[in-house]
Amino acid sequence: MNNLDDDYNQLQIDYAPRGFSGFENDAKSKQIFVELEHWIENIIGAKQIREKEIKFYKGTVKKWQILDDNAHDRDQIEKLQAAVQAPLPEELEMYKEKHNIPMKLPFTNENVTAWRDEPLAIESADFNPQSLQLDRERRRTFFIERYQ
């Protein structure tokens, strides 16, 4: 009657040792981990691993366009975009072409910098200050034509 061993030395029957996810002892979870690894390495990621490049999803640039291309004429879209000072469809398409490039693997500082950052003009061997003036003139002409 006065045995206090059960009170002081309690036995935990429900305890199961856990790892990082808490599901290591569950057979279904183990199978899910194995299948996910198979899908990532052999099915979905096999092409990326083989080609050593990955295309990141950056969203669609058309979300910045107010009217839908299929429902409205191009000139109506351009007028409305210019009225609210939003990018024109040509600018959105140029942006899409410019930023739709894959990143080289593996993930290193050099590869990330080459994918993310635009090269500076002075980093090129073809750097010519006169070409900057031509680019400024072209942009000024484009700006004047856009808002006239």
C-alpha atoms as a PDB file:
ATOM      1  CA  MET A   1       0.000   0.000   0.000  1.00  0.00           C
ATOM      2  CA  ASN A   2       2.723   2.450   0.814  1.00  0.00           C
ATOM      3  CA  ASN A   3       4.782   1.632  -2.298  1.00  0.00           C
ATOM      4  CA  LEU A   4       5.777   4.947  -3.935  1.00  0.00           C
ATOM      5  CA  ASP A   5       7.965   3.499  -6.717  1.00  0.00           C
ATOM      6  CA  ASP A   6       5.260   4.039  -9.347  1.00  0.00           C
ATOM      7  CA  ASP A   7       4.909   7.681  -8.340  1.00  0.00           C
ATOM      8  CA  TYR A   8       8.609   8.512  -8.341  1.00  0.00           C
ATOM      9  CA  ASN A   9       9.794   6.249 -11.179  1.00  0.00           C
ATOM     10  CA  GLN A  10       7.036   6.576 -13.715  1.00  0.00           C
ATOM     11  CA  LEU A  11       7.153   4.492 -16.866  1.00  0.00           C
ATOM     12  CA  GLN A  12       6.331   6.300 -20.104  1.00  0.00           C
ATOM     13  CA  ILE A  13       4.647   3.809 -22.394  1.00  0.00           C
ATOM     14  CA  ASP A  14       3.685   6.222 -25.185  1.00  0.00           C
ATOM     15  CA  TYR A  15       7.168   7.622 -25.726  1.00  0.00           C
ATOM     16  CA  ALA A  16       8.784   7.135 -29.120  1.00  0.00           C
ATOM     17  CA  PRO A  17      12.159   8.683 -29.933  1.00  0.00           C
ATOM     18  CA  ARG A  18      11.857  11.412 -32.560  1.00  0.00           C
ATOM     19  CA  GLY A  19      14.200  13.093 -34.969  1.00  0.00           C
ATOM     20  CA  PHE A  20      13.982  16.372 -36.858  1.00  0.00           C
ATOM     21  CA  SER A  21      10.439  15.847 -38.153  1.00  0.00           C
ATOM     22  CA  GLY A  22       8.933  13.720 -35.386  1.00  0.00           C
ATOM     23  CA  PHE A  23       7.847  11.026 -37.863  1.00  0.00           C
ATOM     24  CA  GLU A  24      10.878   8.750 -38.067  1.00  0.00           C
ATOM     25  CA  ASN A  25       9.107   5.826 -36.391  1.00  0.00           C
ATOM     26  CA  ASP A  26       6.064   6.048 -38.631  1.00  0.00           C
ATOM     27  CA  ALA A  27       6.238   3.645 -41.595  1.00  0.00           C
ATOM     28  CA  LYS A  28       4.008   5.801 -43.825  1.00  0.00           C
ATOM     29  CA  SER A  29       6.124   8.888 -43.194  1.00  0.00           C
ATOM     30  CA  LYS A  30       9.305   6.985 -43.990  1.00  0.00           C
ATOM     31  CA  GLN A  31       7.800   5.849 -47.288  1.00  0.00           C
ATOM     32  CA  ILE A  32       6.690   9.420 -48.092  1.00  0.00           C
ATOM     33  CA  PHE A  33      10.240  10.711 -47.493  1.00  0.00           C
ATOM     34  CA  VAL A  34      11.701   8.016 -49.748  1.00  0.00           C
ATOM     35  CA  GLU A  35       9.177   8.719 -52.517  1.00  0.00           C
ATOM     36  CA  LEU A  36       9.703  12.484 -52.311  1.00  0.00           C
ATOM     37  CA  GLU A  37      13.436  12.015 -52.606  1.00  0.00           C
ATOM     38  CA  HIS A  38      12.889   9.752 -55.633  1.00  0.00           C
ATOM     39  CA  TRP A  39      10.598  12.313 -57.291  1.00  0.00           C
ATOM     40  CA  ILE A  40      12.974  15.208 -56.646  1.00  0.00           C
ATOM     41  CA  GLU A  41      16.162  13.445 -57.733  1.00  0.00           C
ATOM     42  CA  ASN A  42      14.976  11.102 -60.485  1.00  0.00           C
ATOM     43  CA  ILE A  43      11.835  12.580 -61.998  1.00  0.00           C
ATOM     44  CA  ILE A  44      11.463  16.327 -61.455  1.00  0.00           C
ATOM     45  CA  GLY A  45      15.063  17.281 -60.778  1.00  0.00           C
ATOM     46  CA  ALA A  46      16.759  14.847 -63.166  1.00  0.00           C
ATOM     47  CA  LYS A  47      16.662  17.312 -66.050  1.00  0.00           C
ATOM     48  CA  GLN A  48      17.968  20.128 -63.857  1.00  0.00           C
ATOM     49  CA  ILE A  49      20.752  17.939 -62.491  1.00  0.00           C
ATOM     50  CA  ARG A  50      21.670  16.718 -65.997  1.00  0.00           C
ATOM     51  CA  GLU A  51      21.651  20.203 -67.627  1.00  0.00           C
ATOM     52  CA  LYS A  52      23.172  21.902 -64.561  1.00  0.00           C
ATOM     53  CA  GLU A  53      20.761  24.820 -64.730  1.00  0.00           C
ATOM     54  CA  ILE A  54      17.468  25.727 -63.129  1.00  0.00           C
ATOM     55  CA  LYS A  55      14.703  28.079 -64.199  1.00  0.00           C
ATOM     56  CA  PHE A  56      13.254  30.033 -61.334  1.00  0.00           C
ATOM     57  CA  TYR A  57       9.635  31.085 -61.379  1.00  0.00           C
ATOM     58  CA  LYS A  58       9.585  34.850 -61.091  1.00  0.00           C
ATOM     59  CA  GLY A  59       5.912  35.338 -61.800  1.00  0.00           C
ATOM     60  CA  THR A  60       4.337  36.812 -64.867  1.00  0.00           C
ATOM     61  CA  VAL A  61       4.961  40.359 -65.993  1.00  0.00           C
ATOM     62  CA  LYS A  62       1.475  40.585 -67.467  1.00  0.00           C
ATOM     63  CA  LYS A  63       0.065  41.006 -63.963  1.00  0.00           C
ATOM     64  CA  TRP A  64       1.207  44.631 -64.238  1.00  0.00           C
ATOM     65  CA  GLN A  65      -1.017  45.100 -67.287  1.00  0.00           C
ATOM     66  CA  ILE A  66      -4.462  46.457 -66.478  1.00  0.00           C
ATOM     67  CA  LEU A  67      -6.435  45.111 -69.446  1.00  0.00           C
ATOM     68  CA  ASP A  68      -6.302  41.591 -70.837  1.00  0.00           C
ATOM     69  CA  ASP A  69      -4.680  41.070 -74.248  1.00  0.00           C
ATOM     70  CA  ASN A  70      -7.445  38.735 -75.398  1.00  0.00           C
ATOM     71  CA  ALA A  71     -10.303  41.085 -74.516  1.00  0.00           C
ATOM     72  CA  HIS A  72      -8.993  44.490 -75.662  1.00  0.00           C
ATOM     73  CA  ASP A  73      -7.142  46.053 -78.577  1.00  0.00           C
ATOM     74  CA  ARG A  74      -3.467  46.817 -78.246  1.00  0.00           C
ATOM     75  CA  ASP A  75      -3.956  50.592 -78.613  1.00  0.00           C
ATOM     76  CA  GLN A  76      -6.569  50.636 -75.829  1.00  0.00           C
ATOM     77  CA  ILE A  77      -4.169  48.774 -73.550  1.00  0.00           C
ATOM     78  CA  GLU A  78      -1.332  51.174 -74.371  1.00  0.00           C
ATOM     79  CA  LYS A  79      -3.495  54.259 -73.761  1.00  0.00           C
ATOM     80  CA  LEU A  80      -4.697  53.016 -70.393  1.00  0.00           C
ATOM     81  CA  GLN A  81      -1.221  51.899 -69.324  1.00  0.00           C
ATOM     82  CA  ALA A  82       0.189  55.331 -70.273  1.00  0.00           C
ATOM     83  CA  ALA A  83      -2.659  57.135 -68.483  1.00  0.00           C
ATOM     84  CA  VAL A  84      -1.840  55.479 -65.149  1.00  0.00           C
ATOM     85  CA  GLN A  85       1.924  55.607 -65.805  1.00  0.00           C
ATOM     86  CA  ALA A  86       2.244  51.835 -65.870  1.00  0.00           C
ATOM     87  CA  PRO A  87       4.721  49.982 -68.104  1.00  0.00           C
ATOM     88  CA  LEU A  88       3.658  49.586 -71.717  1.00  0.00           C
ATOM     89  CA  PRO A  89       3.165  46.082 -73.166  1.00  0.00           C
ATOM     90  CA  GLU A  90       6.458  46.373 -75.103  1.00  0.00           C
ATOM     91  CA  GLU A  91       8.314  47.175 -71.891  1.00  0.00           C
ATOM     92  CA  LEU A  92       6.707  44.210 -70.152  1.00  0.00           C
ATOM     93  CA  GLU A  93       7.710  41.899 -72.999  1.00  0.00           C
ATOM     94  CA  MET A  94      11.278  43.264 -72.964  1.00  0.00           C
ATOM     95  CA  TYR A  95      11.407  42.708 -69.213  1.00  0.00           C
ATOM     96  CA  LYS A  96      10.157  39.143 -69.649  1.00  0.00           C
ATOM     97  CA  GLU A  97      12.811  38.347 -72.271  1.00  0.00           C
ATOM     98  CA  LYS A  98      15.536  39.961 -70.186  1.00  0.00           C
ATOM     99  CA  HIS A  99      14.694  38.151 -66.945  1.00  0.00           C
ATOM    100  CA  ASN A 100      13.687  34.751 -68.280  1.00  0.00           C
ATOM    101  CA  ILE A 101      17.144  33.187 -68.118  1.00  0.00           C
ATOM    102  CA  PRO A 102      18.081  30.020 -66.230  1.00  0.00           C
ATOM    103  CA  MET A 103      20.619  29.992 -63.428  1.00  0.00           C
ATOM    104  CA  LYS A 104      23.660  27.768 -63.684  1.00  0.00           C
ATOM    105  CA  LEU A 105      24.185  25.128 -61.017  1.00  0.00           C
ATOM    106  CA  PRO A 106      25.717  24.591 -58.480  1.00  0.00           C
ATOM    107  CA  PHE A 107      24.635  27.452 -56.237  1.00  0.00           C
ATOM    108  CA  THR A 108      27.775  29.514 -55.806  1.00  0.00           C
ATOM    109  CA  ASN A 109      28.322  33.228 -55.295  1.00  0.00           C
ATOM    110  CA  GLU A 110      29.609  33.606 -58.862  1.00  0.00           C
ATOM    111  CA  ASN A 111      26.626  31.821 -60.421  1.00  0.00           C
ATOM    112  CA  VAL A 112      24.083  33.686 -58.310  1.00  0.00           C
ATOM    113  CA  THR A 113      25.724  37.038 -59.065  1.00  0.00           C
ATOM    114  CA  ALA A 114      25.829  36.295 -62.797  1.00  0.00           C
ATOM    115  CA  TRP A 115      22.148  35.327 -62.783  1.00  0.00           C
ATOM    116  CA  ARG A 116      20.843  38.064 -60.480  1.00  0.00           C
ATOM    117  CA  ASP A 117      22.947  41.141 -61.230  1.00  0.00           C
ATOM    118  CA  GLU A 118      23.220  42.999 -64.484  1.00  0.00           C
ATOM    119  CA  PRO A 119      26.789  43.463 -65.670  1.00  0.00           C
ATOM    120  CA  LEU A 120      28.042  47.026 -65.495  1.00  0.00           C
ATOM    121  CA  ALA A 121      29.018  48.672 -68.744  1.00  0.00           C
ATOM    122  CA  ILE A 122      32.523  49.421 -67.501  1.00  0.00           C
ATOM    123  CA  GLU A 123      33.087  45.704 -66.834  1.00  0.00           C
ATOM    124  CA  SER A 124      32.899  44.987 -70.548  1.00  0.00           C
ATOM    125  CA  ALA A 125      35.846  45.209 -72.908  1.00  0.00           C
ATOM    126  CA  ASP A 126      33.452  46.875 -75.358  1.00  0.00           C
ATOM    127  CA  PHE A 127      32.789  49.829 -73.050  1.00  0.00           C
ATOM    128  CA  ASN A 128      32.260  52.957 -75.107  1.00  0.00           C
ATOM    129  CA  PRO A 129      31.023  56.203 -73.541  1.00  0.00           C
ATOM    130  CA  GLN A 130      29.567  57.274 -76.897  1.00  0.00           C
ATOM    131  CA  SER A 131      27.229  54.292 -76.902  1.00  0.00           C
ATOM    132  CA  LEU A 132      25.856  55.516 -73.579  1.00  0.00           C
ATOM    133  CA  GLN A 133      24.939  58.796 -75.235  1.00  0.00           C
ATOM    134  CA  LEU A 134      23.174  56.916 -78.047  1.00  0.00           C
ATOM    135  CA  ASP A 135      21.288  54.860 -75.472  1.00  0.00           C
ATOM    136  CA  ARG A 136      20.214  58.025 -73.658  1.00  0.00           C
ATOM    137  CA  GLU A 137      18.989  59.525 -76.930  1.00  0.00           C
ATOM    138  CA  ARG A 138      17.028  56.382 -77.737  1.00  0.00           C
ATOM    139  CA  ARG A 139      15.408  56.373 -74.286  1.00  0.00           C
ATOM    140  CA  ARG A 140      14.581  60.075 -74.534  1.00  0.00           C
ATOM    141  CA  THR A 141      12.957  59.504 -77.956  1.00  0.00           C
ATOM    142  CA  PHE A 142      11.021  56.528 -76.601  1.00  0.00           C
ATOM    143  CA  PHE A 143       9.842  58.614 -73.639  1.00  0.00           C
ATOM    144  CA  ILE A 144       8.746  61.532 -75.855  1.00  0.00           C
ATOM    145  CA  GLU A 145       6.875  59.201 -78.242  1.00  0.00           C
ATOM    146  CA  ARG A 146       5.211  57.454 -75.347  1.00  0.00           C
ATOM    147  CA  TYR A 147       3.748  60.566 -73.736  1.00  0.00           C
ATOM    148  CA  GLN A 148       2.763  62.543 -76.818  1.00  0.00           C
END
